[in-house]
């Protein structure tokens, strides 16, 4: 097990329910030992994008003496459907898995919140920016749906553009305080600055023209 790994002890109502959660790098070789002595079969479930990683985990487990299989599921949101769960259950049933066997999931996400904690400024920033965009967009349409969708989109575009180009070298969220492992991406990002600026210039210009077009009839009517 890697020296940089962290072991979190999870305890249940009995000793049989106790287990360890190991967090770290280079832990693939530790996986067989974490599964325990009762496990005979292992199903490795992985998204399509991580097929190579899933196959590597399967081969590692097979080399350790387990009967290991893989089940490939769709990437991202497409994998969050009941049909995908039914497919996994079918694979388990067809291969005679029991309660003493194991499932290994490859992939997943790591959210910022557990590391960042509560931030008062960020807590109010997004809602206030969304409201500001909603008020502006309400000048163009009476559709609540269009206003809501547009406000959310413009809020994300504004926040991400600000963070990306005004603080390009500052790791954020769960990467805060960590070294920049791909500094070349900071240089490549510069090539996209003209595209971003062009889009924002068009958004502001077309918005101003649209507002001017709506204001003209009102002025002509003496309002």
C-alpha atoms as a PDB file:
ATOM      1  CA  UNK A   1       0.000   0.000   0.000  1.00  0.00           C
ATOM      2  CA  UNK A   2       1.282   3.497  -0.850  1.00  0.00           C
ATOM      3  CA  UNK A   3       2.869   5.577   1.917  1.00  0.00           C
ATOM      4  CA  UNK A   4       0.627   8.470   0.851  1.00  0.00           C
ATOM      5  CA  UNK A   5      -2.584   6.518   1.365  1.00  0.00           C
ATOM      6  CA  UNK A   6      -5.107   7.294   4.086  1.00  0.00           C
ATOM      7  CA  UNK A   7      -7.091   4.535   5.788  1.00  0.00           C
ATOM      8  CA  UNK A   8     -10.538   5.368   7.167  1.00  0.00           C
ATOM      9  CA  UNK A   9     -12.006   2.786   9.545  1.00  0.00           C
ATOM     10  CA  UNK A  10     -15.741   2.157   9.108  1.00  0.00           C
ATOM     11  CA  UNK A  11     -17.425   0.177  11.871  1.00  0.00           C
ATOM     12  CA  UNK A  12     -20.782  -1.586  11.793  1.00  0.00           C
ATOM     13  CA  UNK A  13     -22.980  -3.260  14.355  1.00  0.00           C
ATOM     14  CA  UNK A  14     -20.709  -6.316  14.386  1.00  0.00           C
ATOM     15  CA  UNK A  15     -17.097  -7.103  13.563  1.00  0.00           C
ATOM     16  CA  UNK A  16     -18.204  -8.731  10.304  1.00  0.00           C
ATOM     17  CA  UNK A  17     -19.543  -5.366   9.121  1.00  0.00           C
ATOM     18  CA  UNK A  18     -16.316  -3.465   9.738  1.00  0.00           C
ATOM     19  CA  UNK A  19     -14.244  -2.420   6.742  1.00  0.00           C
ATOM     20  CA  UNK A  20     -11.552   0.029   5.665  1.00  0.00           C
ATOM     21  CA  UNK A  21     -11.791   2.847   3.121  1.00  0.00           C
ATOM     22  CA  UNK A  22      -8.375   3.499   1.575  1.00  0.00           C
ATOM     23  CA  UNK A  23      -7.741   6.795  -0.209  1.00  0.00           C
ATOM     24  CA  UNK A  24      -4.547   7.353  -2.165  1.00  0.00           C
ATOM     25  CA  UNK A  25      -2.589   6.646  -5.334  1.00  0.00           C
ATOM     26  CA  UNK A  26      -1.136   3.434  -6.711  1.00  0.00           C
ATOM     27  CA  UNK A  27      -3.537   1.252  -4.745  1.00  0.00           C
ATOM     28  CA  UNK A  28      -4.450  -1.278  -7.428  1.00  0.00           C
ATOM     29  CA  UNK A  29      -2.152  -3.888  -5.921  1.00  0.00           C
ATOM     30  CA  UNK A  30      -3.949  -3.494  -2.574  1.00  0.00           C
ATOM     31  CA  UNK A  31      -7.396  -4.226  -4.026  1.00  0.00           C
ATOM     32  CA  UNK A  32      -7.304  -8.053  -3.725  1.00  0.00           C
ATOM     33  CA  UNK A  33      -6.485  -7.810  -0.033  1.00  0.00           C
ATOM     34  CA  UNK A  34      -9.302  -5.328   0.580  1.00  0.00           C
ATOM     35  CA  UNK A  35     -11.893  -7.682  -0.896  1.00  0.00           C
ATOM     36  CA  UNK A  36     -11.391 -10.293   1.807  1.00  0.00           C
ATOM     37  CA  UNK A  37     -11.077 -14.071   1.864  1.00  0.00           C
ATOM     38  CA  UNK A  38     -14.753 -14.911   1.216  1.00  0.00           C
ATOM     39  CA  UNK A  39     -14.918 -13.256  -2.182  1.00  0.00           C
ATOM     40  CA  UNK A  40     -14.619 -15.579  -5.175  1.00  0.00           C
ATOM     41  CA  UNK A  41     -16.208 -13.582  -8.000  1.00  0.00           C
ATOM     42  CA  UNK A  42     -15.763  -9.887  -8.761  1.00  0.00           C
ATOM     43  CA  UNK A  43     -17.698  -7.768 -11.249  1.00  0.00           C
ATOM     44  CA  UNK A  44     -15.797  -4.684 -12.394  1.00  0.00           C
ATOM     45  CA  UNK A  45     -18.274  -2.033 -13.564  1.00  0.00           C
ATOM     46  CA  UNK A  46     -16.798   0.794 -15.611  1.00  0.00           C
ATOM     47  CA  UNK A  47     -18.023   3.553 -17.946  1.00  0.00           C
ATOM     48  CA  UNK A  48     -17.239   3.371 -21.625  1.00  0.00           C
ATOM     49  CA  UNK A  49     -14.545   6.043 -21.354  1.00  0.00           C
ATOM     50  CA  UNK A  50     -12.613   3.989 -18.772  1.00  0.00           C
ATOM     51  CA  UNK A  51     -12.652   0.666 -20.614  1.00  0.00           C
ATOM     52  CA  UNK A  52      -8.851   0.325 -20.499  1.00  0.00           C
ATOM     53  CA  UNK A  53      -8.776   0.998 -16.752  1.00  0.00           C
ATOM     54  CA  UNK A  54     -11.602  -1.458 -16.165  1.00  0.00           C
ATOM     55  CA  UNK A  55      -9.755  -4.152 -18.094  1.00  0.00           C
ATOM     56  CA  UNK A  56      -6.605  -3.466 -16.068  1.00  0.00           C
ATOM     57  CA  UNK A  57      -8.490  -3.892 -12.789  1.00  0.00           C
ATOM     58  CA  UNK A  58     -10.096  -7.107 -14.057  1.00  0.00           C
ATOM     59  CA  UNK A  59      -6.726  -8.553 -15.077  1.00  0.00           C
ATOM     60  CA  UNK A  60      -5.177  -7.621 -11.720  1.00  0.00           C
ATOM     61  CA  UNK A  61      -7.951  -9.427  -9.869  1.00  0.00           C
ATOM     62  CA  UNK A  62      -7.756 -12.449 -12.171  1.00  0.00           C
ATOM     63  CA  UNK A  63      -4.026 -12.693 -11.525  1.00  0.00           C
ATOM     64  CA  UNK A  64      -4.804 -12.734  -7.793  1.00  0.00           C
ATOM     65  CA  UNK A  65      -7.053 -15.777  -8.237  1.00  0.00           C
ATOM     66  CA  UNK A  66     -10.501 -14.171  -8.484  1.00  0.00           C
ATOM     67  CA  UNK A  67     -13.068 -14.943 -11.157  1.00  0.00           C
ATOM     68  CA  UNK A  68     -13.310 -11.402 -12.508  1.00  0.00           C
ATOM     69  CA  UNK A  69     -15.659 -10.006 -15.133  1.00  0.00           C
ATOM     70  CA  UNK A  70     -16.330  -6.557 -16.528  1.00  0.00           C
ATOM     71  CA  UNK A  71     -19.604  -4.777 -17.241  1.00  0.00           C
ATOM     72  CA  UNK A  72     -19.425  -1.650 -19.380  1.00  0.00           C
ATOM     73  CA  UNK A  73     -22.044   1.031 -18.820  1.00  0.00           C
ATOM     74  CA  UNK A  74     -22.686   4.365 -20.597  1.00  0.00           C
ATOM     75  CA  UNK A  75     -20.727   7.458 -19.614  1.00  0.00           C
ATOM     76  CA  UNK A  76     -21.906  10.204 -17.262  1.00  0.00           C
ATOM     77  CA  UNK A  77     -25.654  10.910 -17.053  1.00  0.00           C
ATOM     78  CA  UNK A  78     -26.524   8.202 -19.562  1.00  0.00           C
ATOM     79  CA  UNK A  79     -25.459   5.625 -16.997  1.00  0.00           C
ATOM     80  CA  UNK A  80     -27.961   6.842 -14.384  1.00  0.00           C
ATOM     81  CA  UNK A  81     -30.982   4.939 -15.648  1.00  0.00           C
ATOM     82  CA  UNK A  82     -32.900   1.986 -14.294  1.00  0.00           C
ATOM     83  CA  UNK A  83     -32.125   0.023 -17.465  1.00  0.00           C
ATOM     84  CA  UNK A  84     -28.409   0.233 -16.633  1.00  0.00           C
ATOM     85  CA  UNK A  85     -29.033  -1.106 -13.117  1.00  0.00           C
ATOM     86  CA  UNK A  86     -31.138  -3.918 -14.590  1.00  0.00           C
ATOM     87  CA  UNK A  87     -28.300  -4.788 -16.971  1.00  0.00           C
ATOM     88  CA  UNK A  88     -25.829  -5.037 -14.065  1.00  0.00           C
ATOM     89  CA  UNK A  89     -28.231  -7.248 -12.086  1.00  0.00           C
ATOM     90  CA  UNK A  90     -28.585  -9.479 -15.141  1.00  0.00           C
ATOM     91  CA  UNK A  91     -24.821  -9.910 -15.426  1.00  0.00           C
ATOM     92  CA  UNK A  92     -24.619 -10.793 -11.726  1.00  0.00           C
ATOM     93  CA  UNK A  93     -27.398 -13.368 -12.032  1.00  0.00           C
ATOM     94  CA  UNK A  94     -26.065 -14.975 -15.180  1.00  0.00           C
ATOM     95  CA  UNK A  95     -22.664 -15.490 -13.541  1.00  0.00           C
ATOM     96  CA  UNK A  96     -23.955 -16.922 -10.237  1.00  0.00           C
ATOM     97  CA  UNK A  97     -22.804 -14.076  -7.980  1.00  0.00           C
ATOM     98  CA  UNK A  98     -23.725 -14.431  -4.319  1.00  0.00           C
ATOM     99  CA  UNK A  99     -23.800 -12.050  -1.347  1.00  0.00           C
ATOM    100  CA  UNK A 100     -20.254 -12.992  -0.434  1.00  0.00           C
ATOM    101  CA  UNK A 101     -18.931 -11.859  -3.834  1.00  0.00           C
ATOM    102  CA  UNK A 102     -17.976  -8.304  -4.725  1.00  0.00           C
ATOM    103  CA  UNK A 103     -18.545  -5.439  -7.141  1.00  0.00           C
ATOM    104  CA  UNK A 104     -15.770  -2.996  -8.001  1.00  0.00           C
ATOM    105  CA  UNK A 105     -16.837   0.340  -9.515  1.00  0.00           C
ATOM    106  CA  UNK A 106     -14.302   2.172 -11.676  1.00  0.00           C
ATOM    107  CA  UNK A 107     -14.771   5.912 -12.116  1.00  0.00           C
ATOM    108  CA  UNK A 108     -17.002   8.391 -10.350  1.00  0.00           C
ATOM    109  CA  UNK A 109     -16.610  12.013  -9.357  1.00  0.00           C
ATOM    110  CA  UNK A 110     -15.120  14.011  -6.537  1.00  0.00           C
ATOM    111  CA  UNK A 111     -17.156  17.042  -5.524  1.00  0.00           C
ATOM    112  CA  UNK A 112     -15.627  20.282  -4.275  1.00  0.00           C
ATOM    113  CA  UNK A 113     -17.929  20.782  -1.286  1.00  0.00           C
ATOM    114  CA  UNK A 114     -16.386  18.271   1.164  1.00  0.00           C
ATOM    115  CA  UNK A 115     -12.995  19.960   0.779  1.00  0.00           C
ATOM    116  CA  UNK A 116     -14.045  23.589   0.446  1.00  0.00           C
ATOM    117  CA  UNK A 117     -16.674  23.635   3.169  1.00  0.00           C
ATOM    118  CA  UNK A 118     -19.167  26.496   3.443  1.00  0.00           C
ATOM    119  CA  UNK A 119     -18.220  29.789   1.811  1.00  0.00           C
ATOM    120  CA  UNK A 120     -20.606  32.676   2.495  1.00  0.00           C
ATOM    121  CA  UNK A 121     -19.611  34.642  -0.618  1.00  0.00           C
ATOM    122  CA  UNK A 122     -19.990  31.657  -2.951  1.00  0.00           C
ATOM    123  CA  UNK A 123     -23.254  30.671  -1.283  1.00  0.00           C
ATOM    124  CA  UNK A 124     -24.896  33.952  -2.339  1.00  0.00           C
ATOM    125  CA  UNK A 125     -22.875  34.660  -5.478  1.00  0.00           C
ATOM    126  CA  UNK A 126     -24.594  32.302  -7.896  1.00  0.00           C
ATOM    127  CA  UNK A 127     -28.194  33.098  -6.827  1.00  0.00           C
ATOM    128  CA  UNK A 128     -27.568  36.858  -6.977  1.00  0.00           C
ATOM    129  CA  UNK A 129     -25.886  36.644 -10.375  1.00  0.00           C
ATOM    130  CA  UNK A 130     -28.718  34.452 -11.671  1.00  0.00           C
ATOM    131  CA  UNK A 131     -31.305  36.960 -10.417  1.00  0.00           C
ATOM    132  CA  UNK A 132     -29.438  39.821 -12.094  1.00  0.00           C
ATOM    133  CA  UNK A 133     -29.386  37.983 -15.415  1.00  0.00           C
ATOM    134  CA  UNK A 134     -33.045  37.025 -14.993  1.00  0.00           C
ATOM    135  CA  UNK A 135     -34.038  40.672 -14.490  1.00  0.00           C
ATOM    136  CA  UNK A 136     -32.122  41.647 -17.615  1.00  0.00           C
ATOM    137  CA  UNK A 137     -33.565  38.818 -19.700  1.00  0.00           C
ATOM    138  CA  UNK A 138     -37.078  39.670 -18.560  1.00  0.00           C
ATOM    139  CA  UNK A 139     -36.792  42.729 -20.809  1.00  0.00           C
ATOM    140  CA  UNK A 140     -36.729  40.427 -23.829  1.00  0.00           C
ATOM    141  CA  UNK A 141     -39.385  37.796 -23.113  1.00  0.00           C
ATOM    142  CA  UNK A 142     -42.335  37.020 -20.860  1.00  0.00           C
ATOM    143  CA  UNK A 143     -41.549  33.278 -20.830  1.00  0.00           C
ATOM    144  CA  UNK A 144     -40.488  32.161 -17.353  1.00  0.00           C
ATOM    145  CA  UNK A 145     -38.864  29.072 -18.840  1.00  0.00           C
ATOM    146  CA  UNK A 146     -36.696  31.035 -21.261  1.00  0.00           C
ATOM    147  CA  UNK A 147     -35.727  33.505 -18.548  1.00  0.00           C
ATOM    148  CA  UNK A 148     -34.777  30.717 -16.123  1.00  0.00           C
ATOM    149  CA  UNK A 149     -32.749  28.732 -18.649  1.00  0.00           C
ATOM    150  CA  UNK A 150     -31.019  31.837 -19.988  1.00  0.00           C
ATOM    151  CA  UNK A 151     -30.237  33.214 -16.516  1.00  0.00           C
ATOM    152  CA  UNK A 152     -28.680  29.941 -15.357  1.00  0.00           C
ATOM    153  CA  UNK A 153     -26.612  29.680 -18.525  1.00  0.00           C
ATOM    154  CA  UNK A 154     -25.358  33.259 -18.390  1.00  0.00           C
ATOM    155  CA  UNK A 155     -24.530  32.915 -14.673  1.00  0.00           C
ATOM    156  CA  UNK A 156     -22.347  29.878 -15.370  1.00  0.00           C
ATOM    157  CA  UNK A 157     -20.722  31.545 -18.373  1.00  0.00           C
ATOM    158  CA  UNK A 158     -19.951  34.669 -16.351  1.00  0.00           C
ATOM    159  CA  UNK A 159     -18.559  32.846 -13.308  1.00  0.00           C
ATOM    160  CA  UNK A 160     -16.451  30.369 -15.257  1.00  0.00           C
ATOM    161  CA  UNK A 161     -15.050  33.016 -17.612  1.00  0.00           C
ATOM    162  CA  UNK A 162     -14.086  35.175 -14.635  1.00  0.00           C
ATOM    163  CA  UNK A 163     -12.405  32.341 -12.724  1.00  0.00           C
ATOM    164  CA  UNK A 164     -10.648  30.892 -15.758  1.00  0.00           C
ATOM    165  CA  UNK A 165      -9.173  34.023 -17.290  1.00  0.00           C
ATOM    166  CA  UNK A 166      -8.739  36.364 -14.315  1.00  0.00           C
ATOM    167  CA  UNK A 167      -7.100  33.699 -12.118  1.00  0.00           C
ATOM    168  CA  UNK A 168      -5.587  31.305 -14.683  1.00  0.00           C
ATOM    169  CA  UNK A 169      -2.837  29.901 -12.444  1.00  0.00           C
ATOM    170  CA  UNK A 170      -4.826  29.384  -9.243  1.00  0.00           C
ATOM    171  CA  UNK A 171      -6.071  25.822  -8.653  1.00  0.00           C
ATOM    172  CA  UNK A 172      -9.617  25.973  -7.315  1.00  0.00           C
ATOM    173  CA  UNK A 173     -12.105  23.790  -5.518  1.00  0.00           C
ATOM    174  CA  UNK A 174     -10.826  20.324  -4.676  1.00  0.00           C
ATOM    175  CA  UNK A 175      -7.553  21.171  -6.420  1.00  0.00           C
ATOM    176  CA  UNK A 176      -6.864  24.166  -4.160  1.00  0.00           C
ATOM    177  CA  UNK A 177      -3.358  24.058  -2.714  1.00  0.00           C
ATOM    178  CA  UNK A 178      -2.275  21.271  -5.044  1.00  0.00           C
ATOM    179  CA  UNK A 179       0.485  21.602  -7.667  1.00  0.00           C
ATOM    180  CA  UNK A 180      -0.441  22.318 -11.270  1.00  0.00           C
ATOM    181  CA  UNK A 181       0.234  18.968 -12.940  1.00  0.00           C
ATOM    182  CA  UNK A 182      -0.390  20.126 -16.520  1.00  0.00           C
ATOM    183  CA  UNK A 183       1.059  23.657 -16.814  1.00  0.00           C
ATOM    184  CA  UNK A 184       1.058  23.417 -20.603  1.00  0.00           C
ATOM    185  CA  UNK A 185      -2.744  23.732 -20.514  1.00  0.00           C
ATOM    186  CA  UNK A 186      -2.354  27.236 -19.068  1.00  0.00           C
ATOM    187  CA  UNK A 187      -0.438  28.229 -22.189  1.00  0.00           C
ATOM    188  CA  UNK A 188      -2.869  26.550 -24.550  1.00  0.00           C
ATOM    189  CA  UNK A 189      -5.743  28.343 -22.860  1.00  0.00           C
ATOM    190  CA  UNK A 190      -4.448  31.632 -24.243  1.00  0.00           C
ATOM    191  CA  UNK A 191      -5.402  30.556 -27.771  1.00  0.00           C
ATOM    192  CA  UNK A 192      -9.064  30.524 -26.757  1.00  0.00           C
ATOM    193  CA  UNK A 193      -9.109  34.046 -25.307  1.00  0.00           C
ATOM    194  CA  UNK A 194     -10.045  35.682 -28.660  1.00  0.00           C
ATOM    195  CA  UNK A 195     -12.952  33.244 -29.028  1.00  0.00           C
ATOM    196  CA  UNK A 196     -14.266  34.072 -25.555  1.00  0.00           C
ATOM    197  CA  UNK A 197     -13.875  37.808 -26.130  1.00  0.00           C
ATOM    198  CA  UNK A 198     -15.643  37.583 -29.494  1.00  0.00           C
ATOM    199  CA  UNK A 199     -18.580  35.699 -27.969  1.00  0.00           C
ATOM    200  CA  UNK A 200     -18.951  38.183 -25.119  1.00  0.00           C
ATOM    201  CA  UNK A 201     -18.693  41.174 -27.491  1.00  0.00           C
ATOM    202  CA  UNK A 202     -21.444  39.654 -29.635  1.00  0.00           C
ATOM    203  CA  UNK A 203     -23.617  38.946 -26.578  1.00  0.00           C
ATOM    204  CA  UNK A 204     -23.273  42.513 -25.271  1.00  0.00           C
ATOM    205  CA  UNK A 205     -23.700  44.105 -28.706  1.00  0.00           C
ATOM    206  CA  UNK A 206     -26.760  42.056 -29.661  1.00  0.00           C
ATOM    207  CA  UNK A 207     -28.250  42.619 -26.209  1.00  0.00           C
ATOM    208  CA  UNK A 208     -27.791  46.371 -26.554  1.00  0.00           C
ATOM    209  CA  UNK A 209     -29.374  46.335 -30.022  1.00  0.00           C
ATOM    210  CA  UNK A 210     -32.301  44.306 -28.743  1.00  0.00           C
ATOM    211  CA  UNK A 211     -32.842  46.653 -25.811  1.00  0.00           C
ATOM    212  CA  UNK A 212     -32.652  49.629 -28.158  1.00  0.00           C
ATOM    213  CA  UNK A 213     -35.214  48.062 -30.460  1.00  0.00           C
ATOM    214  CA  UNK A 214     -37.630  47.529 -27.582  1.00  0.00           C
ATOM    215  CA  UNK A 215     -37.098  51.035 -26.212  1.00  0.00           C
ATOM    216  CA  UNK A 216     -37.865  52.793 -29.500  1.00  0.00           C
ATOM    217  CA  UNK A 217     -41.622  51.982 -29.646  1.00  0.00           C
ATOM    218  CA  UNK A 218     -42.003  52.973 -25.991  1.00  0.00           C
ATOM    219  CA  UNK A 219     -40.311  56.312 -26.618  1.00  0.00           C
ATOM    220  CA  UNK A 220     -42.475  56.920 -29.665  1.00  0.00           C
ATOM    221  CA  UNK A 221     -45.581  56.278 -27.602  1.00  0.00           C
ATOM    222  CA  UNK A 222     -44.489  58.830 -25.068  1.00  0.00           C
ATOM    223  CA  UNK A 223     -43.858  56.246 -22.316  1.00  0.00           C
END
